[in-house]
Protein backbone atom coordinates (compact mmCIF):
# COMPACT_ATOMS: atom_id res chain seq x y z
CA MET A 1 59.73 -60.98 8.10
CA PRO A 2 57.35 -59.93 5.45
CA LEU A 3 54.75 -62.23 6.96
CA GLN A 4 54.92 -60.60 10.35
CA ARG A 5 54.46 -57.16 8.89
CA ALA A 6 51.41 -58.29 6.97
CA ALA A 7 49.88 -59.72 10.14
CA ILE A 8 50.47 -56.52 12.13
CA ALA A 9 49.25 -54.17 9.41
CA PRO A 10 45.59 -55.35 9.32
CA ARG A 11 45.23 -54.93 13.10
CA ALA A 12 46.54 -51.37 12.92
CA VAL A 13 44.17 -50.60 10.08
CA GLN A 14 41.24 -52.12 11.95
CA SER A 15 42.12 -50.18 15.07
CA TYR A 16 42.43 -46.95 13.11
CA THR A 17 39.08 -47.57 11.33
CA ALA A 18 37.35 -48.31 14.63
CA ARG A 19 38.71 -45.11 16.16
CA MET A 20 37.55 -43.08 13.17
CA LYS A 21 34.06 -44.60 13.36
CA LEU A 22 33.91 -43.78 17.06
CA ALA A 23 35.07 -40.21 16.38
CA ARG A 24 32.39 -39.77 13.69
CA ILE A 25 29.67 -41.13 15.95
CA THR A 26 30.82 -38.86 18.77
CA LEU A 27 30.78 -35.80 16.48
CA LEU A 28 27.32 -36.68 15.20
CA ALA A 29 26.03 -37.10 18.75
CA LEU A 30 27.50 -33.74 19.76
CA ALA A 31 25.99 -32.06 16.69
CA PHE A 32 22.59 -33.59 17.46
CA MET A 33 22.69 -32.40 21.07
CA ALA A 34 23.73 -28.91 19.98
CA SER A 35 20.92 -28.73 17.45
CA THR A 36 18.30 -29.79 20.00
CA ALA A 37 19.60 -27.15 22.39
CA ALA A 38 19.30 -24.56 19.62
CA LEU A 39 15.71 -25.63 18.96
CA ALA A 40 14.69 -25.14 22.57
CA GLN A 41 12.14 -22.35 22.31
CA TRP A 42 9.36 -20.80 24.28
CA GLN A 43 6.01 -19.91 22.77
CA TRP A 44 3.33 -17.80 24.43
CA ILE A 45 0.54 -15.37 23.64
CA ASP A 46 1.21 -11.81 24.78
CA LYS A 47 -1.26 -9.21 26.07
CA SER A 48 -2.20 -8.01 22.57
CA GLY A 49 -3.03 -11.55 21.41
CA ARG A 50 0.07 -12.12 19.27
CA LYS A 51 2.02 -15.38 19.36
CA VAL A 52 5.60 -14.82 20.59
CA PHE A 53 8.53 -17.17 19.89
CA SER A 54 11.72 -16.82 21.95
CA ASP A 55 14.66 -18.72 23.34
CA GLN A 56 14.10 -16.89 26.63
CA PRO A 57 11.24 -17.62 29.03
CA PRO A 58 8.25 -15.25 28.95
CA PRO A 59 8.00 -12.32 31.39
CA ALA A 60 6.63 -13.01 34.84
CA ASP A 61 3.31 -11.29 34.07
CA VAL A 62 2.38 -13.92 31.43
CA PRO A 63 0.05 -16.50 33.06
CA ASP A 64 0.74 -20.22 32.61
CA SER A 65 -2.46 -20.60 30.59
CA LYS A 66 -0.97 -18.34 27.88
CA ILE A 67 2.28 -20.36 27.57
CA ILE A 68 1.96 -22.64 24.55
CA LYS A 69 5.38 -24.34 24.59
CA ARG A 70 8.19 -24.44 27.10
CA ALA A 71 11.83 -24.92 26.16
CA GLY A 72 12.73 -28.59 25.80
CA SER A 73 9.12 -29.78 25.76
CA ARG A 74 6.48 -30.37 23.15
CA PRO A 75 3.59 -27.97 22.58
CA ALA A 76 0.85 -28.33 25.14
CA GLU A 77 -2.18 -30.08 23.73
CA PRO A 78 -5.53 -28.69 24.82
CA ALA A 79 -7.42 -30.87 27.25
CA PRO A 80 -10.73 -32.25 25.98
CA GLU A 81 -13.59 -29.90 26.86
CA PRO A 82 -17.00 -30.87 28.09
CA VAL A 83 -19.76 -30.68 25.48
CA ALA A 84 -21.48 -27.69 27.16
CA ALA A 85 -18.24 -25.70 27.27
CA ALA A 86 -17.57 -26.51 23.60
CA ALA A 87 -21.08 -25.36 22.62
CA SER A 88 -20.74 -22.07 24.52
CA LYS A 89 -17.30 -21.54 22.99
CA ALA A 90 -18.72 -22.13 19.50
CA SER A 91 -21.47 -19.55 20.07
CA ALA A 92 -18.89 -17.10 21.43
CA ALA A 93 -16.73 -17.69 18.36
CA SER A 94 -19.63 -16.78 16.06
CA THR A 95 -19.98 -13.34 17.68
CA PRO A 96 -17.32 -10.87 16.58
CA LYS A 97 -14.84 -9.92 19.25
CA VAL A 98 -13.41 -6.44 19.45
CA SER A 99 -10.03 -6.39 21.10
CA GLY A 100 -8.21 -3.41 22.54
CA LYS A 101 -5.95 -3.36 19.49
CA ASP A 102 -8.94 -2.72 17.22
CA LYS A 103 -9.99 0.23 19.39
CA GLU A 104 -6.48 1.64 19.25
CA LEU A 105 -6.42 1.20 15.49
CA GLU A 106 -9.78 2.93 15.12
CA GLU A 107 -8.60 5.79 17.33
CA LYS A 108 -5.45 6.21 15.22
CA LYS A 109 -7.54 6.18 12.05
CA LYS A 110 -9.79 8.90 13.49
CA GLN A 111 -6.76 10.98 14.44
CA VAL A 112 -5.27 10.63 10.96
CA ALA A 113 -8.60 11.52 9.33
CA ALA A 114 -8.96 14.57 11.59
CA ALA A 115 -5.42 15.70 10.79
CA GLU A 116 -6.05 15.30 7.06
CA ALA A 117 -9.34 17.21 7.31
CA GLU A 118 -7.60 20.01 9.23
CA LYS A 119 -4.79 20.13 6.66
CA LYS A 120 -7.30 20.23 3.80
CA LYS A 121 -9.26 22.99 5.52
CA ALA A 122 -6.08 25.04 5.99
CA GLN A 123 -5.19 24.59 2.30
CA GLU A 124 -8.70 25.66 1.26
CA GLU A 125 -8.50 28.75 3.49
CA GLU A 126 -5.10 29.62 2.03
CA ALA A 127 -6.41 29.16 -1.52
CA ALA A 128 -9.46 31.33 -0.73
CA LYS A 129 -7.21 34.04 0.72
CA ALA A 130 -4.99 33.98 -2.39
CA ALA A 131 -8.07 34.14 -4.66
CA ALA A 132 -9.44 37.11 -2.70
CA ASP A 133 -6.08 38.87 -3.04
CA ARG A 134 -6.00 38.23 -6.81
CA CYS A 135 -9.61 39.46 -7.06
CA ASP A 136 -8.77 42.68 -5.23
CA ARG A 137 -5.72 43.34 -7.42
CA ALA A 138 -7.69 42.64 -10.61
CA LYS A 139 -10.48 45.02 -9.56
CA ARG A 140 -7.95 47.77 -8.79
CA ALA A 141 -6.15 47.18 -12.11
CA LYS A 142 -9.44 47.36 -14.06
CA ALA A 143 -10.42 50.55 -12.22
CA THR A 144 -7.04 52.06 -13.13
CA ILE A 145 -7.42 51.06 -16.81
CA ASP A 146 -11.03 52.33 -16.92
CA SER A 147 -9.99 55.69 -15.44
CA GLY A 148 -8.49 56.73 -18.76
CA ILE A 149 -5.09 57.82 -17.50
CA ARG A 150 -2.05 56.99 -19.59
CA LEU A 151 -0.52 53.67 -18.60
CA SER A 152 3.01 52.58 -19.23
CA THR A 153 5.08 49.44 -18.92
CA THR A 154 8.79 48.75 -18.97
CA ASN A 155 10.14 46.69 -21.88
CA ALA A 156 13.02 44.18 -21.81
CA LYS A 157 15.58 46.96 -22.37
CA GLY A 158 14.28 48.86 -19.34
CA GLU A 159 12.66 51.56 -21.47
CA ARG A 160 9.24 53.00 -20.64
CA GLU A 161 6.48 52.31 -23.19
CA PHE A 162 2.95 53.67 -23.11
CA LEU A 163 0.02 51.32 -23.73
CA ASP A 164 -1.89 51.85 -26.97
CA ASP A 165 -5.59 51.02 -27.37
CA ASN A 166 -4.96 47.37 -28.31
CA ALA A 167 -2.69 46.80 -25.28
CA ARG A 168 -5.22 48.57 -23.04
CA ALA A 169 -8.03 46.29 -24.36
CA ALA A 170 -5.87 43.20 -23.71
CA GLU A 171 -5.22 44.34 -20.13
CA VAL A 172 -8.97 44.93 -19.59
CA LYS A 173 -9.71 41.38 -20.86
CA ARG A 174 -7.04 39.90 -18.57
CA ALA A 175 -8.40 41.81 -15.53
CA GLU A 176 -12.01 40.80 -16.32
CA ALA A 177 -10.99 37.11 -16.66
CA THR A 178 -9.23 37.25 -13.29
CA ILE A 179 -12.25 38.94 -11.72
CA ALA A 180 -14.61 36.31 -13.19
CA ARG A 181 -12.42 33.48 -11.93
CA ASP A 182 -11.45 34.74 -8.46
CA CYS A 183 -14.35 37.01 -7.43
CA LYS A 184 -17.13 34.42 -7.51
CA ALA A 185 -18.10 34.83 -3.84
CA SER A 186 -17.78 38.62 -3.77
């Protein structure tokens, strides 16, 4: 009996090994087909001149001449051009082309520059208005100090204190400095 079992065992092993090889090959084939399906892509150039990659076909408004690659096919190779067409294309390539995108970009740049200039002008007007207000206050303060009336301030305790000659001179200097700084145009 042991001989019969030994004779049957190698056939079962061979059969099992053959089935496993077939299963591996089948899985590899399925994986390869799935990967090629995943690589199926479309390539085309859109209206703004950008290259678009997608797994979906391009919109209907894209002409066939702008489609670079179709799903499941290789990229289209350009047909050889006649010598005259190649020469005219070379001369056209040497001249700079301005596309619609460049015009849009320039327009946006102009709008941004105009907005910045307007903002800067508003800030300058506001600064001029504040300087004129400080100038007016300084002139009124100096006129009050020069009038000779008694001036008082309130200290930290809330008590009223009259200005002596030194404090009055310091206030005159402060008012004159403000006038010199803010009343340049007046």
